[in-house]
């Protein structure tokens, strides 16, 4: 299966550069994955499309201010996206112009902290800092890790709008963006129908947003990401599956978490790591419905939703979204696949 099957033409003007004026006011395509038919709606109407016998699963990971700018010994400005904490003073990170950022190269970071590249890890570098770099430090000196297709600096508004309203556990280097559409009013409307909402945690890292560079889809390797499912959430999901309730995953990260944690006895609670790559031909074991954003071409995310809804259905829905000038990607509009 060729990766370029998941390409599409997108006018630059449709790439959302900022969030909607008010949270929860995004547009919504509702796609029937059996028939391929779709209707246009809005996130405010989303609760009307959710059946009463449904369990909704959200990712409650919180985005950290993981972007740091360091100054090299030659005076160059280098961007580091911290991915995983190894110790209080050591992280793995994605680095701009990575071929130039070799082992032993030194930098000065905000607050007078020094840093040195300790290892070349391929797509990543490990950075040894002279002092503790934790969330307290990052809250003071870090930046929200907006995706590279957002061509502006981050602002204070991003600190709230690039987080879901139910975010609790800090650890992501990108937002679980399908959840950005929810407001308390939308959640209340869902709960008023007697629909339960339960959390899982997947800390979004390289596995989610590194592009698929392989010519053949099957050759792509996902980076590991950490997830956690509580005993209470696992019990609710397993009971829902036994009683025939539909499982609605909010976002591709919730989807991958559930599919990764499935065993012959049901969802297994606890912590785990996943590098699950879902592409057409995959048989979904847990997820019946999905709320998701519009994803970048040739990404593991558009490949995942194509596996879920059917490649041709997704192509037609994306073509319709372009024709109707929906907003795309992280701060863009949404799709409910049912």
C-alpha atoms as a PDB file:
ATOM      1  CA  UNK A   1       0.000   0.000   0.000  1.00  0.00           C
ATOM      2  CA  UNK A   2       1.555   3.292  -1.134  1.00  0.00           C
ATOM      3  CA  UNK A   3       1.745   6.201   1.291  1.00  0.00           C
ATOM      4  CA  UNK A   4       0.906   8.683  -1.461  1.00  0.00           C
ATOM      5  CA  UNK A   5      -2.601   7.174  -1.592  1.00  0.00           C
ATOM      6  CA  UNK A   6      -3.261   9.311   1.474  1.00  0.00           C
ATOM      7  CA  UNK A   7      -2.251  12.620  -0.106  1.00  0.00           C
ATOM      8  CA  UNK A   8      -4.669  15.403  -0.957  1.00  0.00           C
ATOM      9  CA  UNK A   9      -4.454  18.970  -2.196  1.00  0.00           C
ATOM     10  CA  UNK A  10      -5.187  21.594   0.425  1.00  0.00           C
ATOM     11  CA  UNK A  11      -5.149  25.365  -0.117  1.00  0.00           C
ATOM     12  CA  UNK A  12      -2.896  27.040   2.446  1.00  0.00           C
ATOM     13  CA  UNK A  13      -5.708  29.369   3.475  1.00  0.00           C
ATOM     14  CA  UNK A  14      -7.629  26.410   4.939  1.00  0.00           C
ATOM     15  CA  UNK A  15      -4.891  25.536   7.458  1.00  0.00           C
ATOM     16  CA  UNK A  16      -6.210  27.042  10.692  1.00  0.00           C
ATOM     17  CA  UNK A  17      -3.648  29.427  12.150  1.00  0.00           C
ATOM     18  CA  UNK A  18      -5.589  30.154  15.322  1.00  0.00           C
ATOM     19  CA  UNK A  19      -8.504  28.639  17.216  1.00  0.00           C
ATOM     20  CA  UNK A  20     -12.110  29.527  16.461  1.00  0.00           C
ATOM     21  CA  UNK A  21     -13.309  32.752  18.072  1.00  0.00           C
ATOM     22  CA  UNK A  22     -15.044  30.715  20.745  1.00  0.00           C
ATOM     23  CA  UNK A  23     -14.382  27.161  21.806  1.00  0.00           C
ATOM     24  CA  UNK A  24     -17.083  24.764  20.627  1.00  0.00           C
ATOM     25  CA  UNK A  25     -18.111  26.760  17.552  1.00  0.00           C
ATOM     26  CA  UNK A  26     -16.311  24.595  14.999  1.00  0.00           C
ATOM     27  CA  UNK A  27     -18.041  23.034  12.030  1.00  0.00           C
ATOM     28  CA  UNK A  28     -18.643  19.280  11.929  1.00  0.00           C
ATOM     29  CA  UNK A  29     -18.992  16.710   9.171  1.00  0.00           C
ATOM     30  CA  UNK A  30     -20.908  13.633  10.315  1.00  0.00           C
ATOM     31  CA  UNK A  31     -19.781  10.653   8.241  1.00  0.00           C
ATOM     32  CA  UNK A  32     -21.584   7.315   8.078  1.00  0.00           C
ATOM     33  CA  UNK A  33     -18.799   4.801   7.585  1.00  0.00           C
ATOM     34  CA  UNK A  34     -21.125   2.083   6.329  1.00  0.00           C
ATOM     35  CA  UNK A  35     -22.797   4.067   3.544  1.00  0.00           C
ATOM     36  CA  UNK A  36     -20.203   6.790   2.995  1.00  0.00           C
ATOM     37  CA  UNK A  37     -22.926   9.440   3.278  1.00  0.00           C
ATOM     38  CA  UNK A  38     -22.302  12.616   5.254  1.00  0.00           C
ATOM     39  CA  UNK A  39     -24.082  15.700   6.557  1.00  0.00           C
ATOM     40  CA  UNK A  40     -22.823  19.124   7.555  1.00  0.00           C
ATOM     41  CA  UNK A  41     -23.396  20.266  11.109  1.00  0.00           C
ATOM     42  CA  UNK A  42     -21.620  21.939  14.032  1.00  0.00           C
ATOM     43  CA  UNK A  43     -19.972  20.901  17.293  1.00  0.00           C
ATOM     44  CA  UNK A  44     -22.825  22.515  19.216  1.00  0.00           C
ATOM     45  CA  UNK A  45     -25.106  19.887  17.666  1.00  0.00           C
ATOM     46  CA  UNK A  46     -22.704  17.005  18.346  1.00  0.00           C
ATOM     47  CA  UNK A  47     -24.675  15.725  21.391  1.00  0.00           C
ATOM     48  CA  UNK A  48     -27.714  15.243  19.131  1.00  0.00           C
ATOM     49  CA  UNK A  49     -25.788  12.717  17.028  1.00  0.00           C
ATOM     50  CA  UNK A  50     -24.631  10.601  19.991  1.00  0.00           C
ATOM     51  CA  UNK A  51     -26.935   7.716  20.807  1.00  0.00           C
ATOM     52  CA  UNK A  52     -27.930   7.105  24.418  1.00  0.00           C
ATOM     53  CA  UNK A  53     -26.371   3.632  24.495  1.00  0.00           C
ATOM     54  CA  UNK A  54     -22.842   5.026  24.011  1.00  0.00           C
ATOM     55  CA  UNK A  55     -19.751   5.301  26.184  1.00  0.00           C
ATOM     56  CA  UNK A  56     -17.427   8.195  25.299  1.00  0.00           C
ATOM     57  CA  UNK A  57     -13.688   7.874  25.941  1.00  0.00           C
ATOM     58  CA  UNK A  58     -11.483  10.988  26.096  1.00  0.00           C
ATOM     59  CA  UNK A  59      -7.724  11.512  26.464  1.00  0.00           C
ATOM     60  CA  UNK A  60      -7.043  13.660  29.535  1.00  0.00           C
ATOM     61  CA  UNK A  61      -3.339  14.263  28.832  1.00  0.00           C
ATOM     62  CA  UNK A  62      -2.198  17.847  29.290  1.00  0.00           C
ATOM     63  CA  UNK A  63       0.226  19.596  26.942  1.00  0.00           C
ATOM     64  CA  UNK A  64       3.419  20.838  28.554  1.00  0.00           C
ATOM     65  CA  UNK A  65       5.321  23.927  27.419  1.00  0.00           C
ATOM     66  CA  UNK A  66       7.807  21.623  25.751  1.00  0.00           C
ATOM     67  CA  UNK A  67       9.426  24.033  23.259  1.00  0.00           C
ATOM     68  CA  UNK A  68      12.691  25.568  24.452  1.00  0.00           C
ATOM     69  CA  UNK A  69      15.007  27.897  22.566  1.00  0.00           C
ATOM     70  CA  UNK A  70      18.728  27.586  23.173  1.00  0.00           C
ATOM     71  CA  UNK A  71      21.610  29.741  21.975  1.00  0.00           C
ATOM     72  CA  UNK A  72      24.583  27.860  20.557  1.00  0.00           C
ATOM     73  CA  UNK A  73      28.201  28.807  21.161  1.00  0.00           C
ATOM     74  CA  UNK A  74      28.239  30.498  17.747  1.00  0.00           C
ATOM     75  CA  UNK A  75      25.167  32.572  18.616  1.00  0.00           C
ATOM     76  CA  UNK A  76      22.609  30.605  16.598  1.00  0.00           C
ATOM     77  CA  UNK A  77      19.062  30.134  17.903  1.00  0.00           C
ATOM     78  CA  UNK A  78      18.098  26.465  18.082  1.00  0.00           C
ATOM     79  CA  UNK A  79      14.638  25.097  18.888  1.00  0.00           C
ATOM     80  CA  UNK A  80      14.288  22.006  21.093  1.00  0.00           C
ATOM     81  CA  UNK A  81      11.022  20.113  21.479  1.00  0.00           C
ATOM     82  CA  UNK A  82      11.336  18.074  24.659  1.00  0.00           C
ATOM     83  CA  UNK A  83       9.783  14.658  24.131  1.00  0.00           C
ATOM     84  CA  UNK A  84      10.628  12.431  27.088  1.00  0.00           C
ATOM     85  CA  UNK A  85      12.125  13.037  30.514  1.00  0.00           C
ATOM     86  CA  UNK A  86      15.000  10.681  31.300  1.00  0.00           C
ATOM     87  CA  UNK A  87      15.979  12.306  34.617  1.00  0.00           C
ATOM     88  CA  UNK A  88      15.605  15.697  36.321  1.00  0.00           C
ATOM     89  CA  UNK A  89      18.420  17.044  34.150  1.00  0.00           C
ATOM     90  CA  UNK A  90      18.185  14.955  30.981  1.00  0.00           C
ATOM     91  CA  UNK A  91      15.585  14.789  28.200  1.00  0.00           C
ATOM     92  CA  UNK A  92      15.210  13.447  24.710  1.00  0.00           C
ATOM     93  CA  UNK A  93      14.220  16.117  22.205  1.00  0.00           C
ATOM     94  CA  UNK A  94      13.543  16.895  18.584  1.00  0.00           C
ATOM     95  CA  UNK A  95      15.919  19.624  17.379  1.00  0.00           C
ATOM     96  CA  UNK A  96      15.823  21.997  14.427  1.00  0.00           C
ATOM     97  CA  UNK A  97      18.564  21.522  11.814  1.00  0.00           C
ATOM     98  CA  UNK A  98      19.328  18.247  13.565  1.00  0.00           C
ATOM     99  CA  UNK A  99      22.282  17.297  11.357  1.00  0.00           C
ATOM    100  CA  UNK A 100      24.177  20.277  12.755  1.00  0.00           C
ATOM    101  CA  UNK A 101      23.285  19.466  16.366  1.00  0.00           C
ATOM    102  CA  UNK A 102      25.933  16.879  17.118  1.00  0.00           C
ATOM    103  CA  UNK A 103      27.077  15.188  20.295  1.00  0.00           C
ATOM    104  CA  UNK A 104      29.047  17.569  22.513  1.00  0.00           C
ATOM    105  CA  UNK A 105      27.489  20.746  21.112  1.00  0.00           C
ATOM    106  CA  UNK A 106      26.635  23.205  23.888  1.00  0.00           C
ATOM    107  CA  UNK A 107      23.864  25.759  24.368  1.00  0.00           C
ATOM    108  CA  UNK A 108      22.601  28.307  26.868  1.00  0.00           C
ATOM    109  CA  UNK A 109      18.904  28.151  27.720  1.00  0.00           C
ATOM    110  CA  UNK A 110      16.638  30.695  29.478  1.00  0.00           C
ATOM    111  CA  UNK A 111      17.347  31.186  33.158  1.00  0.00           C
ATOM    112  CA  UNK A 112      21.062  30.666  32.600  1.00  0.00           C
ATOM    113  CA  UNK A 113      20.832  26.873  32.293  1.00  0.00           C
ATOM    114  CA  UNK A 114      23.485  25.212  30.147  1.00  0.00           C
ATOM    115  CA  UNK A 115      22.820  22.187  27.969  1.00  0.00           C
ATOM    116  CA  UNK A 116      24.855  19.754  25.908  1.00  0.00           C
ATOM    117  CA  UNK A 117      23.876  17.123  23.367  1.00  0.00           C
ATOM    118  CA  UNK A 118      24.751  13.788  24.948  1.00  0.00           C
ATOM    119  CA  UNK A 119      23.603  11.339  22.252  1.00  0.00           C
ATOM    120  CA  UNK A 120      22.458  11.226  18.652  1.00  0.00           C
ATOM    121  CA  UNK A 121      19.316   9.062  18.638  1.00  0.00           C
ATOM    122  CA  UNK A 122      18.355   9.377  14.989  1.00  0.00           C
ATOM    123  CA  UNK A 123      15.209  11.532  14.893  1.00  0.00           C
ATOM    124  CA  UNK A 124      15.986  12.631  18.447  1.00  0.00           C
ATOM    125  CA  UNK A 125      18.874  13.959  20.525  1.00  0.00           C
ATOM    126  CA  UNK A 126      19.380  13.490  24.261  1.00  0.00           C
ATOM    127  CA  UNK A 127      20.148  16.746  26.069  1.00  0.00           C
ATOM    128  CA  UNK A 128      22.050  16.928  29.360  1.00  0.00           C
ATOM    129  CA  UNK A 129      21.145  20.110  31.287  1.00  0.00           C
ATOM    130  CA  UNK A 130      23.204  21.706  34.058  1.00  0.00           C
ATOM    131  CA  UNK A 131      20.142  22.135  36.283  1.00  0.00           C
ATOM    132  CA  UNK A 132      16.705  20.624  36.775  1.00  0.00           C
ATOM    133  CA  UNK A 133      14.339  21.064  33.852  1.00  0.00           C
ATOM    134  CA  UNK A 134      10.844  20.202  35.048  1.00  0.00           C
ATOM    135  CA  UNK A 135       7.330  21.506  34.498  1.00  0.00           C
ATOM    136  CA  UNK A 136       7.919  24.386  36.922  1.00  0.00           C
ATOM    137  CA  UNK A 137      10.884  25.514  34.807  1.00  0.00           C
ATOM    138  CA  UNK A 138       9.005  24.913  31.545  1.00  0.00           C
ATOM    139  CA  UNK A 139       5.962  26.855  32.732  1.00  0.00           C
ATOM    140  CA  UNK A 140       8.276  29.837  33.191  1.00  0.00           C
ATOM    141  CA  UNK A 141      10.539  29.527  30.148  1.00  0.00           C
ATOM    142  CA  UNK A 142       8.955  27.059  27.731  1.00  0.00           C
ATOM    143  CA  UNK A 143       6.574  27.652  24.843  1.00  0.00           C
ATOM    144  CA  UNK A 144       3.432  25.839  23.738  1.00  0.00           C
ATOM    145  CA  UNK A 145       4.516  23.328  21.053  1.00  0.00           C
ATOM    146  CA  UNK A 146       2.338  24.548  18.202  1.00  0.00           C
ATOM    147  CA  UNK A 147       2.692  22.414  15.059  1.00  0.00           C
ATOM    148  CA  UNK A 148       5.036  23.681  12.325  1.00  0.00           C
ATOM    149  CA  UNK A 149       2.152  24.427   9.939  1.00  0.00           C
ATOM    150  CA  UNK A 150       0.986  27.173  12.333  1.00  0.00           C
ATOM    151  CA  UNK A 151       3.157  30.019  11.088  1.00  0.00           C
ATOM    152  CA  UNK A 152       3.255  32.276  14.126  1.00  0.00           C
ATOM    153  CA  UNK A 153       4.652  32.468  17.623  1.00  0.00           C
ATOM    154  CA  UNK A 154       2.620  31.022  20.477  1.00  0.00           C
ATOM    155  CA  UNK A 155       0.592  33.385  22.651  1.00  0.00           C
ATOM    156  CA  UNK A 156      -1.030  33.320  26.086  1.00  0.00           C
ATOM    157  CA  UNK A 157      -4.292  32.351  24.379  1.00  0.00           C
ATOM    158  CA  UNK A 158      -2.670  29.128  23.167  1.00  0.00           C
ATOM    159  CA  UNK A 159      -1.915  28.096  26.745  1.00  0.00           C
ATOM    160  CA  UNK A 160      -5.668  27.656  27.284  1.00  0.00           C
ATOM    161  CA  UNK A 161      -6.955  26.926  23.768  1.00  0.00           C
ATOM    162  CA  UNK A 162      -4.322  24.287  22.951  1.00  0.00           C
ATOM    163  CA  UNK A 163      -5.535  22.322  25.991  1.00  0.00           C
ATOM    164  CA  UNK A 164      -8.731  20.346  26.387  1.00  0.00           C
ATOM    165  CA  UNK A 165     -10.976  21.590  29.195  1.00  0.00           C
ATOM    166  CA  UNK A 166     -10.627  18.204  30.900  1.00  0.00           C
ATOM    167  CA  UNK A 167      -6.807  17.965  30.649  1.00  0.00           C
ATOM    168  CA  UNK A 168      -5.321  16.700  33.918  1.00  0.00           C
ATOM    169  CA  UNK A 169      -2.085  14.775  33.508  1.00  0.00           C
ATOM    170  CA  UNK A 170       0.857  16.710  32.047  1.00  0.00           C
ATOM    171  CA  UNK A 171       3.028  14.914  29.513  1.00  0.00           C
ATOM    172  CA  UNK A 172       2.060  15.624  25.897  1.00  0.00           C
ATOM    173  CA  UNK A 173       4.168  17.417  23.302  1.00  0.00           C
ATOM    174  CA  UNK A 174       1.098  17.993  21.117  1.00  0.00           C
ATOM    175  CA  UNK A 175      -2.568  18.363  21.958  1.00  0.00           C
ATOM    176  CA  UNK A 176      -5.089  15.538  21.540  1.00  0.00           C
ATOM    177  CA  UNK A 177      -6.843  17.932  19.203  1.00  0.00           C
ATOM    178  CA  UNK A 178     -10.263  16.296  18.782  1.00  0.00           C
ATOM    179  CA  UNK A 179     -10.909  17.150  22.415  1.00  0.00           C
ATOM    180  CA  UNK A 180     -10.257  20.864  21.877  1.00  0.00           C
ATOM    181  CA  UNK A 181     -13.805  21.257  20.560  1.00  0.00           C
ATOM    182  CA  UNK A 182     -15.543  20.450  23.841  1.00  0.00           C
ATOM    183  CA  UNK A 183     -17.025  23.066  26.144  1.00  0.00           C
ATOM    184  CA  UNK A 184     -18.668  22.499  29.506  1.00  0.00           C
ATOM    185  CA  UNK A 185     -22.024  23.169  27.841  1.00  0.00           C
ATOM    186  CA  UNK A 186     -21.439  20.459  25.220  1.00  0.00           C
ATOM    187  CA  UNK A 187     -20.303  17.985  27.881  1.00  0.00           C
ATOM    188  CA  UNK A 188     -23.342  18.832  30.035  1.00  0.00           C
ATOM    189  CA  UNK A 189     -25.668  18.218  27.061  1.00  0.00           C
ATOM    190  CA  UNK A 190     -24.078  14.806  26.564  1.00  0.00           C
ATOM    191  CA  UNK A 191     -24.360  13.899  30.240  1.00  0.00           C
ATOM    192  CA  UNK A 192     -28.004  15.036  30.357  1.00  0.00           C
ATOM    193  CA  UNK A 193     -28.757  12.211  27.905  1.00  0.00           C
ATOM    194  CA  UNK A 194     -27.354   9.754  30.458  1.00  0.00           C
ATOM    195  CA  UNK A 195     -24.202   9.163  28.428  1.00  0.00           C
ATOM    196  CA  UNK A 196     -21.076   8.363  30.424  1.00  0.00           C
ATOM    197  CA  UNK A 197     -17.683   9.949  29.646  1.00  0.00           C
ATOM    198  CA  UNK A 198     -14.546   8.193  30.914  1.00  0.00           C
ATOM    199  CA  UNK A 199     -10.855   9.186  30.641  1.00  0.00           C
ATOM    200  CA  UNK A 200      -7.734   7.441  29.468  1.00  0.00           C
ATOM    201  CA  UNK A 201      -4.285   9.015  29.249  1.00  0.00           C
ATOM    202  CA  UNK A 202      -1.943   8.854  26.276  1.00  0.00           C
ATOM    203  CA  UNK A 203       0.928  11.340  26.322  1.00  0.00           C
ATOM    204  CA  UNK A 204       1.178  12.501  22.729  1.00  0.00           C
ATOM    205  CA  UNK A 205       4.712  12.248  21.408  1.00  0.00           C
ATOM    206  CA  UNK A 206       6.597  11.438  18.242  1.00  0.00           C
ATOM    207  CA  UNK A 207       4.495   8.375  17.506  1.00  0.00           C
ATOM    208  CA  UNK A 208       1.530  10.588  16.745  1.00  0.00           C
ATOM    209  CA  UNK A 209       3.012  13.394  14.695  1.00  0.00           C
ATOM    210  CA  UNK A 210       6.190  12.161  12.971  1.00  0.00           C
ATOM    211  CA  UNK A 211       5.331  11.984   9.235  1.00  0.00           C
ATOM    212  CA  UNK A 212       5.185   8.705   7.344  1.00  0.00           C
ATOM    213  CA  UNK A 213       8.329   8.860   5.210  1.00  0.00           C
ATOM    214  CA  UNK A 214       8.264   5.287   3.920  1.00  0.00           C
ATOM    215  CA  UNK A 215       7.112   4.770   0.341  1.00  0.00           C
ATOM    216  CA  UNK A 216       5.018   1.814   1.485  1.00  0.00           C
ATOM    217  CA  UNK A 217       2.671   2.299   4.416  1.00  0.00           C
ATOM    218  CA  UNK A 218       3.554  -1.082   5.922  1.00  0.00           C
ATOM    219  CA  UNK A 219       7.227  -0.062   6.288  1.00  0.00           C
ATOM    220  CA  UNK A 220       6.503   2.854   8.648  1.00  0.00           C
ATOM    221  CA  UNK A 221       7.572   2.363  12.269  1.00  0.00           C
ATOM    222  CA  UNK A 222       5.772   4.240  15.031  1.00  0.00           C
ATOM    223  CA  UNK A 223       7.680   5.636  18.016  1.00  0.00           C
ATOM    224  CA  UNK A 224       6.492   4.455  21.416  1.00  0.00           C
ATOM    225  CA  UNK A 225       4.103   6.525  23.484  1.00  0.00           C
ATOM    226  CA  UNK A 226       3.059   5.946  27.091  1.00  0.00           C
ATOM    227  CA  UNK A 227      -0.545   5.438  28.151  1.00  0.00           C
ATOM    228  CA  UNK A 228      -2.514   4.684  31.311  1.00  0.00           C
ATOM    229  CA  UNK A 229      -6.008   3.306  31.879  1.00  0.00           C
ATOM    230  CA  UNK A 230      -7.540   3.266  35.330  1.00  0.00           C
ATOM    231  CA  UNK A 231      -9.288   0.222  36.740  1.00  0.00           C
ATOM    232  CA  UNK A 232     -12.564   2.172  36.814  1.00  0.00           C
ATOM    233  CA  UNK A 233     -12.333   3.161  33.143  1.00  0.00           C
ATOM    234  CA  UNK A 234     -11.392  -0.378  32.106  1.00  0.00           C
ATOM    235  CA  UNK A 235     -14.379  -1.792  33.991  1.00  0.00           C
ATOM    236  CA  UNK A 236     -16.778   0.667  32.352  1.00  0.00           C
ATOM    237  CA  UNK A 237     -15.460  -0.080  28.860  1.00  0.00           C
ATOM    238  CA  UNK A 238     -15.559  -3.836  29.395  1.00  0.00           C
ATOM    239  CA  UNK A 239     -19.120  -3.639  30.732  1.00  0.00           C
ATOM    240  CA  UNK A 240     -20.137  -1.482  27.756  1.00  0.00           C
ATOM    241  CA  UNK A 241     -18.711  -4.040  25.333  1.00  0.00           C
ATOM    242  CA  UNK A 242     -20.548  -6.880  27.095  1.00  0.00           C
ATOM    243  CA  UNK A 243     -23.883  -5.044  27.007  1.00  0.00           C
ATOM    244  CA  UNK A 244     -23.602  -3.900  23.401  1.00  0.00           C
ATOM    245  CA  UNK A 245     -23.025  -0.208  24.023  1.00  0.00           C
ATOM    246  CA  UNK A 246     -21.074   1.680  21.394  1.00  0.00           C
ATOM    247  CA  UNK A 247     -17.606   2.978  22.286  1.00  0.00           C
ATOM    248  CA  UNK A 248     -17.001   6.493  20.951  1.00  0.00           C
ATOM    249  CA  UNK A 249     -13.332   7.465  21.045  1.00  0.00           C
ATOM    250  CA  UNK A 250     -12.519  11.162  21.056  1.00  0.00           C
ATOM    251  CA  UNK A 251      -9.465  11.389  18.833  1.00  0.00           C
ATOM    252  CA  UNK A 252      -6.903   9.064  17.316  1.00  0.00           C
ATOM    253  CA  UNK A 253      -4.923   8.989  20.581  1.00  0.00           C
ATOM    254  CA  UNK A 254      -7.872   7.589  22.551  1.00  0.00           C
ATOM    255  CA  UNK A 255      -8.449   5.133  19.711  1.00  0.00           C
ATOM    256  CA  UNK A 256      -4.869   3.861  19.741  1.00  0.00           C
ATOM    257  CA  UNK A 257      -4.906   3.600  23.541  1.00  0.00           C
ATOM    258  CA  UNK A 258      -8.023   1.437  23.564  1.00  0.00           C
ATOM    259  CA  UNK A 259      -6.917  -0.775  20.706  1.00  0.00           C
ATOM    260  CA  UNK A 260      -3.465  -1.207  22.323  1.00  0.00           C
ATOM    261  CA  UNK A 261      -4.897  -2.188  25.709  1.00  0.00           C
ATOM    262  CA  UNK A 262      -7.347  -4.788  24.382  1.00  0.00           C
ATOM    263  CA  UNK A 263      -6.828  -8.429  25.355  1.00  0.00           C
ATOM    264  CA  UNK A 264      -8.955 -11.544  24.963  1.00  0.00           C
ATOM    265  CA  UNK A 265     -10.393 -10.715  28.415  1.00  0.00           C
ATOM    266  CA  UNK A 266     -11.155  -7.102  27.536  1.00  0.00           C
ATOM    267  CA  UNK A 267      -9.395  -3.824  28.266  1.00  0.00           C
ATOM    268  CA  UNK A 268      -6.451  -4.298  30.591  1.00  0.00           C
ATOM    269  CA  UNK A 269      -6.002  -1.480  33.141  1.00  0.00           C
ATOM    270  CA  UNK A 270      -2.647  -0.013  34.106  1.00  0.00           C
ATOM    271  CA  UNK A 271       0.261   1.656  32.379  1.00  0.00           C
ATOM    272  CA  UNK A 272       1.673   0.612  29.058  1.00  0.00           C
ATOM    273  CA  UNK A 273       3.567   1.670  25.969  1.00  0.00           C
ATOM    274  CA  UNK A 274       2.304   1.521  22.433  1.00  0.00           C
ATOM    275  CA  UNK A 275       3.776   1.811  18.962  1.00  0.00           C
ATOM    276  CA  UNK A 276       0.603   0.501  17.346  1.00  0.00           C
ATOM    277  CA  UNK A 277       0.288   1.677  13.750  1.00  0.00           C
ATOM    278  CA  UNK A 278      -3.257   1.335  12.448  1.00  0.00           C
ATOM    279  CA  UNK A 279      -3.657   1.245   8.675  1.00  0.00           C
ATOM    280  CA  UNK A 280      -6.280  -0.170   6.275  1.00  0.00           C
ATOM    281  CA  UNK A 281      -6.847  -3.856   6.889  1.00  0.00           C
ATOM    282  CA  UNK A 282      -6.710  -3.450  10.683  1.00  0.00           C
ATOM    283  CA  UNK A 283      -9.678  -4.994  12.510  1.00  0.00           C
ATOM    284  CA  UNK A 284     -10.910  -2.673  15.259  1.00  0.00           C
ATOM    285  CA  UNK A 285     -11.653  -4.505  18.479  1.00  0.00           C
ATOM    286  CA  UNK A 286     -12.935  -1.756  20.781  1.00  0.00           C
ATOM    287  CA  UNK A 287     -13.821   1.475  18.995  1.00  0.00           C
ATOM    288  CA  UNK A 288     -17.168   1.800  17.191  1.00  0.00           C
ATOM    289  CA  UNK A 289     -17.287   5.560  16.587  1.00  0.00           C
ATOM    290  CA  UNK A 290     -14.732   8.349  16.493  1.00  0.00           C
ATOM    291  CA  UNK A 291     -14.631  12.128  16.768  1.00  0.00           C
ATOM    292  CA  UNK A 292     -11.550  13.455  15.018  1.00  0.00           C
ATOM    293  CA  UNK A 293     -10.026  16.473  13.286  1.00  0.00           C
ATOM    294  CA  UNK A 294      -8.961  16.788   9.651  1.00  0.00           C
ATOM    295  CA  UNK A 295      -5.403  15.483   9.419  1.00  0.00           C
ATOM    296  CA  UNK A 296      -2.303  16.271   7.397  1.00  0.00           C
ATOM    297  CA  UNK A 297      -1.638  14.419   4.117  1.00  0.00           C
ATOM    298  CA  UNK A 298       0.471  11.247   4.269  1.00  0.00           C
ATOM    299  CA  UNK A 299       0.293  11.154   8.084  1.00  0.00           C
ATOM    300  CA  UNK A 300      -0.301   8.151  10.337  1.00  0.00           C
ATOM    301  CA  UNK A 301      -3.451   9.977  11.497  1.00  0.00           C
ATOM    302  CA  UNK A 302      -5.204  10.186   8.122  1.00  0.00           C
ATOM    303  CA  UNK A 303      -4.136   6.576   7.533  1.00  0.00           C
ATOM    304  CA  UNK A 304      -5.760   5.573  10.844  1.00  0.00           C
ATOM    305  CA  UNK A 305      -9.084   7.278  10.078  1.00  0.00           C
ATOM    306  CA  UNK A 306      -8.982   5.723   6.596  1.00  0.00           C
ATOM    307  CA  UNK A 307      -8.628   2.313   8.234  1.00  0.00           C
ATOM    308  CA  UNK A 308     -11.645   3.120  10.416  1.00  0.00           C
ATOM    309  CA  UNK A 309     -13.993   4.720   7.891  1.00  0.00           C
ATOM    310  CA  UNK A 310     -12.691   3.389   4.583  1.00  0.00           C
ATOM    311  CA  UNK A 311     -10.150   5.118   2.369  1.00  0.00           C
ATOM    312  CA  UNK A 312     -12.651   6.167  -0.289  1.00  0.00           C
ATOM    313  CA  UNK A 313     -15.107   7.510   2.306  1.00  0.00           C
ATOM    314  CA  UNK A 314     -12.382   9.635   3.871  1.00  0.00           C
ATOM    315  CA  UNK A 315     -11.228  10.917   0.473  1.00  0.00           C
ATOM    316  CA  UNK A 316     -14.761  12.020  -0.427  1.00  0.00           C
ATOM    317  CA  UNK A 317     -15.355  13.608   2.977  1.00  0.00           C
ATOM    318  CA  UNK A 318     -12.052  15.498   2.797  1.00  0.00           C
ATOM    319  CA  UNK A 319     -12.831  16.684  -0.732  1.00  0.00           C
ATOM    320  CA  UNK A 320     -16.179  17.949   0.531  1.00  0.00           C
ATOM    321  CA  UNK A 321     -14.500  19.698   3.463  1.00  0.00           C
ATOM    322  CA  UNK A 322     -12.095  21.450   1.089  1.00  0.00           C
ATOM    323  CA  UNK A 323     -14.951  22.428  -1.238  1.00  0.00           C
ATOM    324  CA  UNK A 324     -16.921  23.854   1.700  1.00  0.00           C
ATOM    325  CA  UNK A 325     -13.787  25.557   3.057  1.00  0.00           C
ATOM    326  CA  UNK A 326     -13.631  23.831   6.405  1.00  0.00           C
ATOM    327  CA  UNK A 327     -10.653  24.715   8.614  1.00  0.00           C
ATOM    328  CA  UNK A 328      -8.003  21.993   8.752  1.00  0.00           C
ATOM    329  CA  UNK A 329      -5.572  20.454  11.260  1.00  0.00           C
ATOM    330  CA  UNK A 330      -5.038  21.149  14.982  1.00  0.00           C
ATOM    331  CA  UNK A 331      -7.122  24.316  15.347  1.00  0.00           C
ATOM    332  CA  UNK A 332      -9.522  23.309  12.591  1.00  0.00           C
ATOM    333  CA  UNK A 333     -12.968  21.762  12.322  1.00  0.00           C
ATOM    334  CA  UNK A 334     -14.099  18.253  13.197  1.00  0.00           C
ATOM    335  CA  UNK A 335     -15.490  15.003  11.803  1.00  0.00           C
ATOM    336  CA  UNK A 336     -17.712  12.515  13.605  1.00  0.00           C
ATOM    337  CA  UNK A 337     -17.396   9.033  12.100  1.00  0.00           C
ATOM    338  CA  UNK A 338     -20.278   6.774  13.098  1.00  0.00           C
END
